[in-house]
Amino acid sequence: MAIGRELDGRDITTPAAIGEALGVPAAEATSLLNWHQWREGDVALLEAAAARLGMKVGSR
């Protein structure tokens, strides 16, 4: 949710822009942000996306 808020705050709202900001294809970015149960590896992708946006990533 925090990544979604960060993107909204930067007015990054289209799938293409979200994908570009997160460094993944648009469809994958949309899936990551809308999926309620992640697959193996998705948490690492989300952590990388947060770091790419300059967000502090907490430890588990």
N, C-alpha and C. Protein backbone atom coordinates (compact mmCIF):
# COMPACT_ATOMS: atom_id res chain seq x y z
N MET A 1 0.82 -1.19 0.00
CA MET A 1 0.00 0.00 0.00
C MET A 1 0.87 1.26 0.00
N ALA A 2 1.97 1.20 0.72
CA ALA A 2 2.85 2.37 0.80
C ALA A 2 3.42 2.72 -0.57
N ILE A 3 3.74 1.70 -1.36
CA ILE A 3 4.27 1.97 -2.70
C ILE A 3 3.20 2.63 -3.54
N GLY A 4 1.97 2.16 -3.45
CA GLY A 4 0.86 2.77 -4.19
C GLY A 4 0.66 4.22 -3.81
N ARG A 5 0.72 4.51 -2.52
CA ARG A 5 0.58 5.91 -2.06
C ARG A 5 1.73 6.77 -2.57
N GLU A 6 2.94 6.21 -2.55
CA GLU A 6 4.11 6.95 -3.03
C GLU A 6 3.95 7.29 -4.51
N LEU A 7 3.50 6.31 -5.28
CA LEU A 7 3.29 6.54 -6.71
C LEU A 7 2.21 7.59 -6.93
N ASP A 8 1.10 7.48 -6.21
CA ASP A 8 0.03 8.47 -6.33
C ASP A 8 0.53 9.86 -5.98
N GLY A 9 1.34 9.95 -4.92
CA GLY A 9 1.88 11.24 -4.51
C GLY A 9 2.79 11.87 -5.57
N ARG A 10 3.37 11.03 -6.39
CA ARG A 10 4.22 11.51 -7.48
C ARG A 10 3.45 11.63 -8.79
N ASP A 11 2.14 11.43 -8.72
CA ASP A 11 1.24 11.49 -9.87
C ASP A 11 1.64 10.45 -10.94
N ILE A 12 2.08 9.31 -10.48
CA ILE A 12 2.42 8.19 -11.36
C ILE A 12 1.25 7.22 -11.26
N THR A 13 0.38 7.24 -12.29
CA THR A 13 -0.87 6.51 -12.16
C THR A 13 -1.18 5.56 -13.31
N THR A 14 -0.56 5.73 -14.45
CA THR A 14 -0.85 4.83 -15.56
C THR A 14 -0.01 3.56 -15.44
N PRO A 15 -0.51 2.45 -15.95
CA PRO A 15 0.28 1.22 -15.87
C PRO A 15 1.68 1.36 -16.47
N ALA A 16 1.79 2.05 -17.59
CA ALA A 16 3.10 2.23 -18.21
C ALA A 16 4.04 3.04 -17.32
N ALA A 17 3.53 4.11 -16.72
CA ALA A 17 4.35 4.95 -15.85
C ALA A 17 4.73 4.20 -14.57
N ILE A 18 3.81 3.41 -14.05
CA ILE A 18 4.10 2.63 -12.85
C ILE A 18 5.18 1.60 -13.15
N GLY A 19 5.04 0.91 -14.26
CA GLY A 19 6.06 -0.06 -14.66
C GLY A 19 7.43 0.58 -14.81
N GLU A 20 7.45 1.74 -15.45
CA GLU A 20 8.73 2.45 -15.64
C GLU A 20 9.33 2.85 -14.29
N ALA A 21 8.50 3.36 -13.40
CA ALA A 21 8.99 3.80 -12.09
C ALA A 21 9.53 2.63 -11.27
N LEU A 22 8.89 1.47 -11.41
CA LEU A 22 9.30 0.31 -10.62
C LEU A 22 10.36 -0.53 -11.32
N GLY A 23 10.59 -0.26 -12.60
CA GLY A 23 11.61 -0.99 -13.34
C GLY A 23 11.18 -2.39 -13.77
N VAL A 24 9.87 -2.56 -13.95
CA VAL A 24 9.33 -3.84 -14.41
C VAL A 24 8.29 -3.56 -15.49
N PRO A 25 7.91 -4.58 -16.27
CA PRO A 25 6.86 -4.38 -17.26
C PRO A 25 5.56 -3.90 -16.60
N ALA A 26 4.79 -3.11 -17.34
CA ALA A 26 3.56 -2.52 -16.80
C ALA A 26 2.62 -3.57 -16.23
N ALA A 27 2.43 -4.68 -16.93
CA ALA A 27 1.51 -5.71 -16.45
C ALA A 27 1.98 -6.31 -15.13
N GLU A 28 3.29 -6.50 -15.00
CA GLU A 28 3.83 -7.05 -13.76
C GLU A 28 3.68 -6.06 -12.61
N ALA A 29 3.92 -4.79 -12.87
CA ALA A 29 3.77 -3.77 -11.83
C ALA A 29 2.33 -3.70 -11.35
N THR A 30 1.40 -3.71 -12.28
CA THR A 30 -0.01 -3.65 -11.93
C THR A 30 -0.39 -4.87 -11.10
N SER A 31 0.07 -6.03 -11.50
CA SER A 31 -0.22 -7.26 -10.78
C SER A 31 0.34 -7.21 -9.36
N LEU A 32 1.56 -6.76 -9.22
CA LEU A 32 2.19 -6.68 -7.89
C LEU A 32 1.41 -5.78 -6.95
N LEU A 33 0.95 -4.65 -7.47
CA LEU A 33 0.28 -3.68 -6.61
C LEU A 33 -1.17 -4.04 -6.33
N ASN A 34 -1.77 -4.90 -7.13
CA ASN A 34 -3.18 -5.24 -6.95
C ASN A 34 -3.40 -6.63 -6.40
N TRP A 35 -2.37 -7.43 -6.32
CA TRP A 35 -2.50 -8.81 -5.90
C TRP A 35 -2.60 -8.89 -4.39
N HIS A 36 -3.50 -9.71 -3.88
CA HIS A 36 -3.68 -9.84 -2.44
C HIS A 36 -2.90 -11.01 -1.84
N GLN A 37 -2.46 -11.91 -2.69
CA GLN A 37 -1.62 -13.01 -2.24
C GLN A 37 -0.47 -13.12 -3.23
N TRP A 38 0.74 -12.82 -2.76
CA TRP A 38 1.88 -12.77 -3.65
C TRP A 38 2.48 -14.14 -3.89
N ARG A 39 3.13 -14.25 -5.02
CA ARG A 39 3.84 -15.48 -5.37
C ARG A 39 5.26 -15.39 -4.85
N GLU A 40 5.96 -16.51 -4.90
CA GLU A 40 7.36 -16.53 -4.47
C GLU A 40 8.15 -15.52 -5.28
N GLY A 41 8.92 -14.72 -4.62
CA GLY A 41 9.74 -13.71 -5.29
C GLY A 41 9.10 -12.34 -5.37
N ASP A 42 7.78 -12.24 -5.15
CA ASP A 42 7.10 -10.95 -5.26
C ASP A 42 7.53 -9.98 -4.17
N VAL A 43 7.78 -10.48 -2.95
CA VAL A 43 8.19 -9.60 -1.87
C VAL A 43 9.53 -8.95 -2.22
N ALA A 44 10.43 -9.72 -2.79
CA ALA A 44 11.73 -9.17 -3.20
C ALA A 44 11.53 -8.10 -4.28
N LEU A 45 10.61 -8.34 -5.20
CA LEU A 45 10.33 -7.34 -6.23
C LEU A 45 9.75 -6.07 -5.62
N LEU A 46 8.86 -6.23 -4.66
CA LEU A 46 8.27 -5.06 -3.99
C LEU A 46 9.32 -4.29 -3.20
N GLU A 47 10.21 -5.00 -2.53
CA GLU A 47 11.29 -4.33 -1.79
C GLU A 47 12.20 -3.57 -2.74
N ALA A 48 12.51 -4.17 -3.88
CA ALA A 48 13.35 -3.50 -4.88
C ALA A 48 12.63 -2.28 -5.44
N ALA A 49 11.33 -2.39 -5.65
CA ALA A 49 10.55 -1.26 -6.16
C ALA A 49 10.56 -0.12 -5.16
N ALA A 50 10.37 -0.44 -3.87
CA ALA A 50 10.39 0.59 -2.83
C ALA A 50 11.75 1.27 -2.78
N ALA A 51 12.80 0.49 -2.84
CA ALA A 51 14.15 1.06 -2.83
C ALA A 51 14.38 1.95 -4.04
N ARG A 52 13.89 1.52 -5.19
CA ARG A 52 14.04 2.31 -6.42
C ARG A 52 13.34 3.66 -6.29
N LEU A 53 12.24 3.69 -5.53
CA LEU A 53 11.51 4.95 -5.30
C LEU A 53 12.12 5.77 -4.18
N GLY A 54 13.15 5.22 -3.53
CA GLY A 54 13.80 5.94 -2.44
C GLY A 54 13.10 5.78 -1.11
N MET A 55 12.25 4.78 -1.02
CA MET A 55 11.54 4.53 0.23
C MET A 55 12.38 3.66 1.13
N LYS A 56 12.27 3.87 2.41
CA LYS A 56 13.00 3.05 3.36
C LYS A 56 12.28 1.69 3.46
N VAL A 57 13.03 0.63 3.31
CA VAL A 57 12.49 -0.71 3.36
C VAL A 57 12.83 -1.30 4.71
N GLY A 58 11.79 -1.63 5.50
CA GLY A 58 12.00 -2.17 6.83
C GLY A 58 12.37 -3.64 6.77
N SER A 59 13.03 -4.09 7.80
CA SER A 59 13.35 -5.50 7.88
C SER A 59 12.15 -6.25 8.44
N ARG A 60 12.08 -7.54 8.11
CA ARG A 60 10.93 -8.33 8.55
C ARG A 60 11.08 -8.74 9.95
